[in-house]
PDB file of N, CA and C in Angstrom:
ATOM      1  N   MET A   1      -7.459 -42.853  11.821  1.00  0.00           N
ATOM      2  CA  MET A   1      -7.145 -42.447  13.171  1.00  0.00           C
ATOM      3  C   MET A   1      -6.955 -40.930  13.194  1.00  0.00           C
ATOM      4  N   VAL A   2      -7.590 -40.286  14.151  1.00  0.00           N
ATOM      5  CA  VAL A   2      -7.450 -38.846  14.327  1.00  0.00           C
ATOM      6  C   VAL A   2      -6.292 -38.600  15.291  1.00  0.00           C
ATOM      7  N   LEU A   3      -5.324 -37.820  14.844  1.00  0.00           N
ATOM      8  CA  LEU A   3      -4.145 -37.539  15.667  1.00  0.00           C
ATOM      9  C   LEU A   3      -4.210 -36.135  16.242  1.00  0.00           C
ATOM     10  N   ALA A   4      -3.724 -35.982  17.441  1.00  0.00           N
ATOM     11  CA  ALA A   4      -3.637 -34.658  18.057  1.00  0.00           C
ATOM     12  C   ALA A   4      -2.527 -33.867  17.381  1.00  0.00           C
ATOM     13  N   PRO A   5      -2.698 -32.560  17.218  1.00  0.00           N
ATOM     14  CA  PRO A   5      -1.626 -31.748  16.638  1.00  0.00           C
ATOM     15  C   PRO A   5      -0.452 -31.649  17.612  1.00  0.00           C
ATOM     16  N   ILE A   6       0.683 -31.281  17.073  1.00  0.00           N
ATOM     17  CA  ILE A   6       1.896 -31.100  17.870  1.00  0.00           C
ATOM     18  C   ILE A   6       2.153 -29.606  17.989  1.00  0.00           C
ATOM     19  N   ALA A   7       2.378 -29.111  19.203  1.00  0.00           N
ATOM     20  CA  ALA A   7       2.710 -27.701  19.434  1.00  0.00           C
ATOM     21  C   ALA A   7       4.150 -27.614  19.914  1.00  0.00           C
ATOM     22  N   LEU A   8       4.912 -26.723  19.285  1.00  0.00           N
ATOM     23  CA  LEU A   8       6.310 -26.513  19.652  1.00  0.00           C
ATOM     24  C   LEU A   8       6.528 -25.020  19.849  1.00  0.00           C
ATOM     25  N   PHE A   9       7.025 -24.637  21.017  1.00  0.00           N
ATOM     26  CA  PHE A   9       7.301 -23.240  21.336  1.00  0.00           C
ATOM     27  C   PHE A   9       8.803 -23.017  21.255  1.00  0.00           C
ATOM     28  N   VAL A  10       9.222 -22.004  20.477  1.00  0.00           N
ATOM     29  CA  VAL A  10      10.650 -21.753  20.270  1.00  0.00           C
ATOM     30  C   VAL A  10      10.966 -20.283  20.490  1.00  0.00           C
ATOM     31  N   TYR A  11      12.265 -20.026  20.697  1.00  0.00           N
ATOM     32  CA  TYR A  11      12.700 -18.638  20.879  1.00  0.00           C
ATOM     33  C   TYR A  11      14.066 -18.411  20.233  1.00  0.00           C
ATOM     34  N   ASN A  12      15.154 -18.748  20.934  1.00  0.00           N
ATOM     35  CA  ASN A  12      16.479 -18.399  20.415  1.00  0.00           C
ATOM     36  C   ASN A  12      17.510 -19.511  20.599  1.00  0.00           C
ATOM     37  N   ARG A  13      17.089 -20.742  20.489  1.00  0.00           N
ATOM     38  CA  ARG A  13      18.007 -21.873  20.642  1.00  0.00           C
ATOM     39  C   ARG A  13      17.971 -22.742  19.380  1.00  0.00           C
ATOM     40  N   PRO A  14      18.727 -22.358  18.366  1.00  0.00           N
ATOM     41  CA  PRO A  14      18.661 -23.076  17.088  1.00  0.00           C
ATOM     42  C   PRO A  14      19.044 -24.553  17.179  1.00  0.00           C
ATOM     43  N   GLU A  15      20.068 -24.873  17.968  1.00  0.00           N
ATOM     44  CA  GLU A  15      20.498 -26.276  18.061  1.00  0.00           C
ATOM     45  C   GLU A  15      19.399 -27.141  18.682  1.00  0.00           C
ATOM     46  N   HIS A  16      18.778 -26.642  19.751  1.00  0.00           N
ATOM     47  CA  HIS A  16      17.690 -27.378  20.399  1.00  0.00           C
ATOM     48  C   HIS A  16      16.488 -27.507  19.461  1.00  0.00           C
ATOM     49  N   THR A  17      16.196 -26.439  18.748  1.00  0.00           N
ATOM     50  CA  THR A  17      15.062 -26.447  17.819  1.00  0.00           C
ATOM     51  C   THR A  17      15.265 -27.490  16.732  1.00  0.00           C
ATOM     52  N   LYS A  18      16.448 -27.509  16.142  1.00  0.00           N
ATOM     53  CA  LYS A  18      16.752 -28.471  15.072  1.00  0.00           C
ATOM     54  C   LYS A  18      16.645 -29.901  15.583  1.00  0.00           C
ATOM     55  N   ARG A  19      17.238 -30.175  16.732  1.00  0.00           N
ATOM     56  CA  ARG A  19      17.195 -31.532  17.293  1.00  0.00           C
ATOM     57  C   ARG A  19      15.763 -31.956  17.620  1.00  0.00           C
ATOM     58  N   THR A  20      14.983 -31.031  18.147  1.00  0.00           N
ATOM     59  CA  THR A  20      13.597 -31.348  18.498  1.00  0.00           C
ATOM     60  C   THR A  20      12.774 -31.660  17.257  1.00  0.00           C
ATOM     61  N   ILE A  21      12.890 -30.832  16.232  1.00  0.00           N
ATOM     62  CA  ILE A  21      12.143 -31.067  14.991  1.00  0.00           C
ATOM     63  C   ILE A  21      12.586 -32.369  14.337  1.00  0.00           C
ATOM     64  N   ASP A  22      13.886 -32.625  14.313  1.00  0.00           N
ATOM     65  CA  ASP A  22      14.381 -33.885  13.742  1.00  0.00           C
ATOM     66  C   ASP A  22      13.815 -35.085  14.494  1.00  0.00           C
ATOM     67  N   SER A  23      13.811 -35.004  15.813  1.00  0.00           N
ATOM     68  CA  SER A  23      13.289 -36.099  16.631  1.00  0.00           C
ATOM     69  C   SER A  23      11.790 -36.305  16.398  1.00  0.00           C
ATOM     70  N   LEU A  24      11.041 -35.212  16.380  1.00  0.00           N
ATOM     71  CA  LEU A  24       9.598 -35.314  16.133  1.00  0.00           C
ATOM     72  C   LEU A  24       9.307 -35.899  14.755  1.00  0.00           C
ATOM     73  N   SER A  25      10.058 -35.479  13.750  1.00  0.00           N
ATOM     74  CA  SER A  25       9.801 -35.937  12.380  1.00  0.00           C
ATOM     75  C   SER A  25      10.146 -37.412  12.186  1.00  0.00           C
ATOM     76  N   ASN A  26      10.946 -37.980  13.084  1.00  0.00           N
ATOM     77  CA  ASN A  26      11.301 -39.397  12.998  1.00  0.00           C
ATOM     78  C   ASN A  26      10.271 -40.320  13.647  1.00  0.00           C
ATOM     79  N   ASN A  27       9.246 -39.768  14.257  1.00  0.00           N
ATOM     80  CA  ASN A  27       8.202 -40.580  14.875  1.00  0.00           C
ATOM     81  C   ASN A  27       7.306 -41.211  13.808  1.00  0.00           C
ATOM     82  N   ASP A  28       6.720 -42.348  14.159  1.00  0.00           N
ATOM     83  CA  ASP A  28       5.921 -43.121  13.205  1.00  0.00           C
ATOM     84  C   ASP A  28       4.784 -42.337  12.562  1.00  0.00           C
ATOM     85  N   TYR A  29       4.129 -41.470  13.309  1.00  0.00           N
ATOM     86  CA  TYR A  29       2.961 -40.770  12.792  1.00  0.00           C
ATOM     87  C   TYR A  29       3.251 -39.332  12.366  1.00  0.00           C
ATOM     88  N   ALA A  30       4.496 -38.962  12.257  1.00  0.00           N
ATOM     89  CA  ALA A  30       4.848 -37.579  11.909  1.00  0.00           C
ATOM     90  C   ALA A  30       4.234 -37.151  10.577  1.00  0.00           C
ATOM     91  N   GLU A  31       4.298 -38.009   9.580  1.00  0.00           N
ATOM     92  CA  GLU A  31       3.786 -37.649   8.256  1.00  0.00           C
ATOM     93  C   GLU A  31       2.268 -37.469   8.237  1.00  0.00           C
ATOM     94  N   GLN A  32       1.602 -37.904   9.286  1.00  0.00           N
ATOM     95  CA  GLN A  32       0.154 -37.738   9.393  1.00  0.00           C
ATOM     96  C   GLN A  32      -0.216 -36.652  10.400  1.00  0.00           C
ATOM     97  N   SER A  33       0.786 -35.992  10.960  1.00  0.00           N
ATOM     98  CA  SER A  33       0.568 -35.018  12.040  1.00  0.00           C
ATOM     99  C   SER A  33       0.827 -33.591  11.584  1.00  0.00           C
ATOM    100  N   GLU A  34       0.060 -32.684  12.157  1.00  0.00           N
ATOM    101  CA  GLU A  34       0.284 -31.256  11.923  1.00  0.00           C
ATOM    102  C   GLU A  34       1.169 -30.710  13.040  1.00  0.00           C
ATOM    103  N   LEU A  35       2.180 -29.946  12.653  1.00  0.00           N
ATOM    104  CA  LEU A  35       3.098 -29.323  13.607  1.00  0.00           C
ATOM    105  C   LEU A  35       2.825 -27.826  13.635  1.00  0.00           C
ATOM    106  N   PHE A  36       2.474 -27.318  14.802  1.00  0.00           N
ATOM    107  CA  PHE A  36       2.267 -25.886  15.008  1.00  0.00           C
ATOM    108  C   PHE A  36       3.465 -25.357  15.781  1.00  0.00           C
ATOM    109  N   VAL A  37       4.174 -24.401  15.189  1.00  0.00           N
ATOM    110  CA  VAL A  37       5.362 -23.835  15.827  1.00  0.00           C
ATOM    111  C   VAL A  37       5.071 -22.387  16.189  1.00  0.00           C
ATOM    112  N   PHE A  38       5.304 -22.041  17.447  1.00  0.00           N
ATOM    113  CA  PHE A  38       5.075 -20.697  17.966  1.00  0.00           C
ATOM    114  C   PHE A  38       6.423 -20.061  18.285  1.00  0.00           C
ATOM    115  N   CYS A  39       6.783 -19.033  17.512  1.00  0.00           N
ATOM    116  CA  CYS A  39       8.060 -18.332  17.692  1.00  0.00           C
ATOM    117  C   CYS A  39       7.805 -17.048  18.467  1.00  0.00           C
ATOM    118  N   ASP A  40       8.346 -16.970  19.670  1.00  0.00           N
ATOM    119  CA  ASP A  40       8.158 -15.767  20.478  1.00  0.00           C
ATOM    120  C   ASP A  40       8.965 -14.623  19.884  1.00  0.00           C
ATOM    121  N   GLY A  41       8.518 -13.406  20.108  1.00  0.00           N
ATOM    122  CA  GLY A  41       9.209 -12.225  19.614  1.00  0.00           C
ATOM    123  C   GLY A  41      10.400 -11.864  20.479  1.00  0.00           C
ATOM    124  N   PRO A  42      11.276 -11.024  19.948  1.00  0.00           N
ATOM    125  CA  PRO A  42      12.481 -10.647  20.691  1.00  0.00           C
ATOM    126  C   PRO A  42      12.172  -9.708  21.848  1.00  0.00           C
ATOM    127  N   LYS A  43      12.957  -9.850  22.893  1.00  0.00           N
ATOM    128  CA  LYS A  43      12.898  -8.899  24.002  1.00  0.00           C
ATOM    129  C   LYS A  43      13.600  -7.624  23.546  1.00  0.00           C
ATOM    130  N   PRO A  44      13.318  -6.501  24.175  1.00  0.00           N
ATOM    131  CA  PRO A  44      14.028  -5.267  23.814  1.00  0.00           C
ATOM    132  C   PRO A  44      15.540  -5.457  23.952  1.00  0.00           C
ATOM    133  N   ASP A  45      16.283  -4.880  23.046  1.00  0.00           N
ATOM    134  CA  ASP A  45      17.753  -4.931  23.048  1.00  0.00           C
ATOM    135  C   ASP A  45      18.304  -6.349  22.940  1.00  0.00           C
ATOM    136  N   THR A  46      17.620  -7.217  22.203  1.00  0.00           N
ATOM    137  CA  THR A  46      18.063  -8.598  22.014  1.00  0.00           C
ATOM    138  C   THR A  46      18.774  -8.737  20.680  1.00  0.00           C
ATOM    139  N   ASN A  47      19.841  -9.528  20.668  1.00  0.00           N
ATOM    140  CA  ASN A  47      20.514  -9.873  19.424  1.00  0.00           C
ATOM    141  C   ASN A  47      19.592 -10.811  18.640  1.00  0.00           C
ATOM    142  N   MET A  48      19.274 -10.438  17.423  1.00  0.00           N
ATOM    143  CA  MET A  48      18.295 -11.173  16.616  1.00  0.00           C
ATOM    144  C   MET A  48      18.880 -12.365  15.864  1.00  0.00           C
ATOM    145  N   ASP A  49      20.193 -12.548  15.860  1.00  0.00           N
ATOM    146  CA  ASP A  49      20.805 -13.592  15.034  1.00  0.00           C
ATOM    147  C   ASP A  49      20.248 -14.987  15.323  1.00  0.00           C
ATOM    148  N   LYS A  50      20.218 -15.377  16.581  1.00  0.00           N
ATOM    149  CA  LYS A  50      19.733 -16.724  16.921  1.00  0.00           C
ATOM    150  C   LYS A  50      18.229 -16.851  16.708  1.00  0.00           C
ATOM    151  N   ILE A  51      17.503 -15.778  16.931  1.00  0.00           N
ATOM    152  CA  ILE A  51      16.055 -15.802  16.692  1.00  0.00           C
ATOM    153  C   ILE A  51      15.785 -16.006  15.201  1.00  0.00           C
ATOM    154  N   ARG A  52      16.518 -15.310  14.350  1.00  0.00           N
ATOM    155  CA  ARG A  52      16.372 -15.486  12.896  1.00  0.00           C
ATOM    156  C   ARG A  52      16.747 -16.908  12.477  1.00  0.00           C
ATOM    157  N   GLU A  53      17.804 -17.438  13.082  1.00  0.00           N
ATOM    158  CA  GLU A  53      18.231 -18.794  12.758  1.00  0.00           C
ATOM    159  C   GLU A  53      17.150 -19.817  13.135  1.00  0.00           C
ATOM    160  N   VAL A  54      16.561 -19.657  14.297  1.00  0.00           N
ATOM    161  CA  VAL A  54      15.474 -20.546  14.730  1.00  0.00           C
ATOM    162  C   VAL A  54      14.302 -20.453  13.761  1.00  0.00           C
ATOM    163  N   ARG A  55      13.926 -19.253  13.383  1.00  0.00           N
ATOM    164  CA  ARG A  55      12.792 -19.077  12.465  1.00  0.00           C
ATOM    165  C   ARG A  55      13.073 -19.693  11.101  1.00  0.00           C
ATOM    166  N   SER A  56      14.305 -19.621  10.663  1.00  0.00           N
ATOM    167  CA  SER A  56      14.681 -20.248   9.401  1.00  0.00           C
ATOM    168  C   SER A  56      14.563 -21.771   9.495  1.00  0.00           C
ATOM    169  N   ILE A  57      15.010 -22.325  10.609  1.00  0.00           N
ATOM    170  CA  ILE A  57      14.930 -23.776  10.820  1.00  0.00           C
ATOM    171  C   ILE A  57      13.480 -24.248  10.787  1.00  0.00           C
ATOM    172  N   VAL A  58      12.586 -23.558  11.480  1.00  0.00           N
ATOM    173  CA  VAL A  58      11.192 -24.026  11.529  1.00  0.00           C
ATOM    174  C   VAL A  58      10.499 -23.863  10.178  1.00  0.00           C
ATOM    175  N   LYS A  59      10.866 -22.849   9.419  1.00  0.00           N
ATOM    176  CA  LYS A  59      10.255 -22.663   8.095  1.00  0.00           C
ATOM    177  C   LYS A  59      10.677 -23.754   7.115  1.00  0.00           C
ATOM    178  N   GLU A  60      11.817 -24.389   7.370  1.00  0.00           N
ATOM    179  CA  GLU A  60      12.317 -25.449   6.494  1.00  0.00           C
ATOM    180  C   GLU A  60      11.949 -26.847   6.992  1.00  0.00           C
ATOM    181  N   ALA A  61      11.180 -26.938   8.061  1.00  0.00           N
ATOM    182  CA  ALA A  61      10.828 -28.237   8.643  1.00  0.00           C
ATOM    183  C   ALA A  61      10.023 -29.075   7.656  1.00  0.00           C
ATOM    184  N   THR A  62      10.376 -30.348   7.564  1.00  0.00           N
ATOM    185  CA  THR A  62       9.672 -31.292   6.694  1.00  0.00           C
ATOM    186  C   THR A  62       9.392 -32.571   7.473  1.00  0.00           C
ATOM    187  N   GLY A  63       8.616 -33.445   6.867  1.00  0.00           N
ATOM    188  CA  GLY A  63       8.330 -34.737   7.474  1.00  0.00           C
ATOM    189  C   GLY A  63       6.998 -34.786   8.198  1.00  0.00           C
ATOM    190  N   PHE A  64       6.225 -33.710   8.083  1.00  0.00           N
ATOM    191  CA  PHE A  64       4.923 -33.627   8.738  1.00  0.00           C
ATOM    192  C   PHE A  64       3.840 -33.438   7.680  1.00  0.00           C
ATOM    193  N   LYS A  65       2.605 -33.747   8.049  1.00  0.00           N
ATOM    194  CA  LYS A  65       1.475 -33.515   7.142  1.00  0.00           C
ATOM    195  C   LYS A  65       1.416 -32.037   6.776  1.00  0.00           C
ATOM    196  N   LYS A  66       1.621 -31.195   7.777  1.00  0.00           N
ATOM    197  CA  LYS A  66       1.560 -29.745   7.583  1.00  0.00           C
ATOM    198  C   LYS A  66       2.365 -29.085   8.695  1.00  0.00           C
ATOM    199  N   VAL A  67       3.055 -27.995   8.363  1.00  0.00           N
ATOM    200  CA  VAL A  67       3.784 -27.207   9.362  1.00  0.00           C
ATOM    201  C   VAL A  67       3.222 -25.792   9.324  1.00  0.00           C
ATOM    202  N   ILE A  68       2.720 -25.332  10.452  1.00  0.00           N
ATOM    203  CA  ILE A  68       2.148 -23.990  10.569  1.00  0.00           C
ATOM    204  C   ILE A  68       3.015 -23.217  11.551  1.00  0.00           C
ATOM    205  N   VAL A  69       3.527 -22.065  11.104  1.00  0.00           N
ATOM    206  CA  VAL A  69       4.445 -21.274  11.930  1.00  0.00           C
ATOM    207  C   VAL A  69       3.795 -19.942  12.281  1.00  0.00           C
ATOM    208  N   TYR A  70       3.775 -19.627  13.560  1.00  0.00           N
ATOM    209  CA  TYR A  70       3.300 -18.335  14.058  1.00  0.00           C
ATOM    210  C   TYR A  70       4.500 -17.576  14.607  1.00  0.00           C
ATOM    211  N   GLU A  71       4.668 -16.335  14.150  1.00  0.00           N
ATOM    212  CA  GLU A  71       5.777 -15.504  14.619  1.00  0.00           C
ATOM    213  C   GLU A  71       5.249 -14.245  15.281  1.00  0.00           C
ATOM    214  N   LYS A  72       5.677 -14.004  16.505  1.00  0.00           N
ATOM    215  CA  LYS A  72       5.367 -12.742  17.177  1.00  0.00           C
ATOM    216  C   LYS A  72       6.452 -11.742  16.794  1.00  0.00           C
ATOM    217  N   LYS A  73       6.053 -10.519  16.550  1.00  0.00           N
ATOM    218  CA  LYS A  73       7.006  -9.481  16.153  1.00  0.00           C
ATOM    219  C   LYS A  73       7.721  -8.872  17.349  1.00  0.00           C
ATOM    220  N   GLN A  74       7.091  -8.957  18.524  1.00  0.00           N
ATOM    221  CA  GLN A  74       7.722  -8.436  19.730  1.00  0.00           C
ATOM    222  C   GLN A  74       7.479  -9.413  20.865  1.00  0.00           C
ATOM    223  N   CYS A  75       8.231  -9.258  21.913  1.00  0.00           N
ATOM    224  CA  CYS A  75       8.169 -10.174  23.046  1.00  0.00           C
ATOM    225  C   CYS A  75       6.776 -10.178  23.664  1.00  0.00           C
ATOM    226  N   ARG A  76       6.262 -11.381  23.907  1.00  0.00           N
ATOM    227  CA  ARG A  76       4.955 -11.528  24.544  1.00  0.00           C
ATOM    228  C   ARG A  76       5.079 -12.239  25.891  1.00  0.00           C
ATOM    229  N   PHE A  77       6.297 -12.362  26.375  1.00  0.00           N
ATOM    230  CA  PHE A  77       6.557 -12.919  27.704  1.00  0.00           C
ATOM    231  C   PHE A  77       6.048 -14.342  27.885  1.00  0.00           C
ATOM    232  N   GLY A  78       6.303 -15.183  26.925  1.00  0.00           N
ATOM    233  CA  GLY A  78       6.088 -16.604  27.129  1.00  0.00           C
ATOM    234  C   GLY A  78       4.881 -17.215  26.450  1.00  0.00           C
ATOM    235  N   LYS A  79       4.714 -18.499  26.717  1.00  0.00           N
ATOM    236  CA  LYS A  79       3.742 -19.340  26.028  1.00  0.00           C
ATOM    237  C   LYS A  79       2.291 -18.970  26.293  1.00  0.00           C
ATOM    238  N   ILE A  80       1.982 -18.539  27.475  1.00  0.00           N
ATOM    239  CA  ILE A  80       0.585 -18.306  27.836  1.00  0.00           C
ATOM    240  C   ILE A  80      -0.095 -17.289  26.917  1.00  0.00           C
ATOM    241  N   HIS A  81       0.645 -16.326  26.389  1.00  0.00           N
ATOM    242  CA  HIS A  81       0.053 -15.324  25.501  1.00  0.00           C
ATOM    243  C   HIS A  81      -0.367 -15.922  24.163  1.00  0.00           C
ATOM    244  N   TYR A  82       0.303 -16.976  23.713  1.00  0.00           N
ATOM    245  CA  TYR A  82      -0.127 -17.635  22.486  1.00  0.00           C
ATOM    246  C   TYR A  82      -1.456 -18.337  22.703  1.00  0.00           C
ATOM    247  N   ILE A  83      -1.624 -18.889  23.865  1.00  0.00           N
ATOM    248  CA  ILE A  83      -2.821 -19.662  24.151  1.00  0.00           C
ATOM    249  C   ILE A  83      -4.029 -18.759  24.351  1.00  0.00           C
ATOM    250  N   TRP A  84      -3.832 -17.592  24.962  1.00  0.00           N
ATOM    251  CA  TRP A  84      -4.954 -16.743  25.338  1.00  0.00           C
ATOM    252  C   TRP A  84      -5.095 -15.468  24.531  1.00  0.00           C
ATOM    253  N   SER A  85      -4.132 -15.097  23.695  1.00  0.00           N
ATOM    254  CA  SER A  85      -4.249 -13.823  22.974  1.00  0.00           C
ATOM    255  C   SER A  85      -5.071 -13.990  21.703  1.00  0.00           C
ATOM    256  N   ASP A  86      -5.633 -12.894  21.229  1.00  0.00           N
ATOM    257  CA  ASP A  86      -6.448 -12.909  20.002  1.00  0.00           C
ATOM    258  C   ASP A  86      -5.571 -12.904  18.783  1.00  0.00           C
TER     259      ASP A  86
END
């Protein structure tokens, strides 16, 4: 069976990120699924602590066939830039 990949967009909510990844990894087909995580970059003058915590959580994610993490170095103003940017 060919499974669709899972896309997860994250920013600065570590508790939500952890719960979401845990929930996704508990699904029946998680071990056969690829998880793509898109971490948006910080806005100017943003406290980086929660952003770093979120990035650490996604890098430690397990329970999937593969976890691919994309990190933006600066703010790209939301999800649409991941979909359309080079």
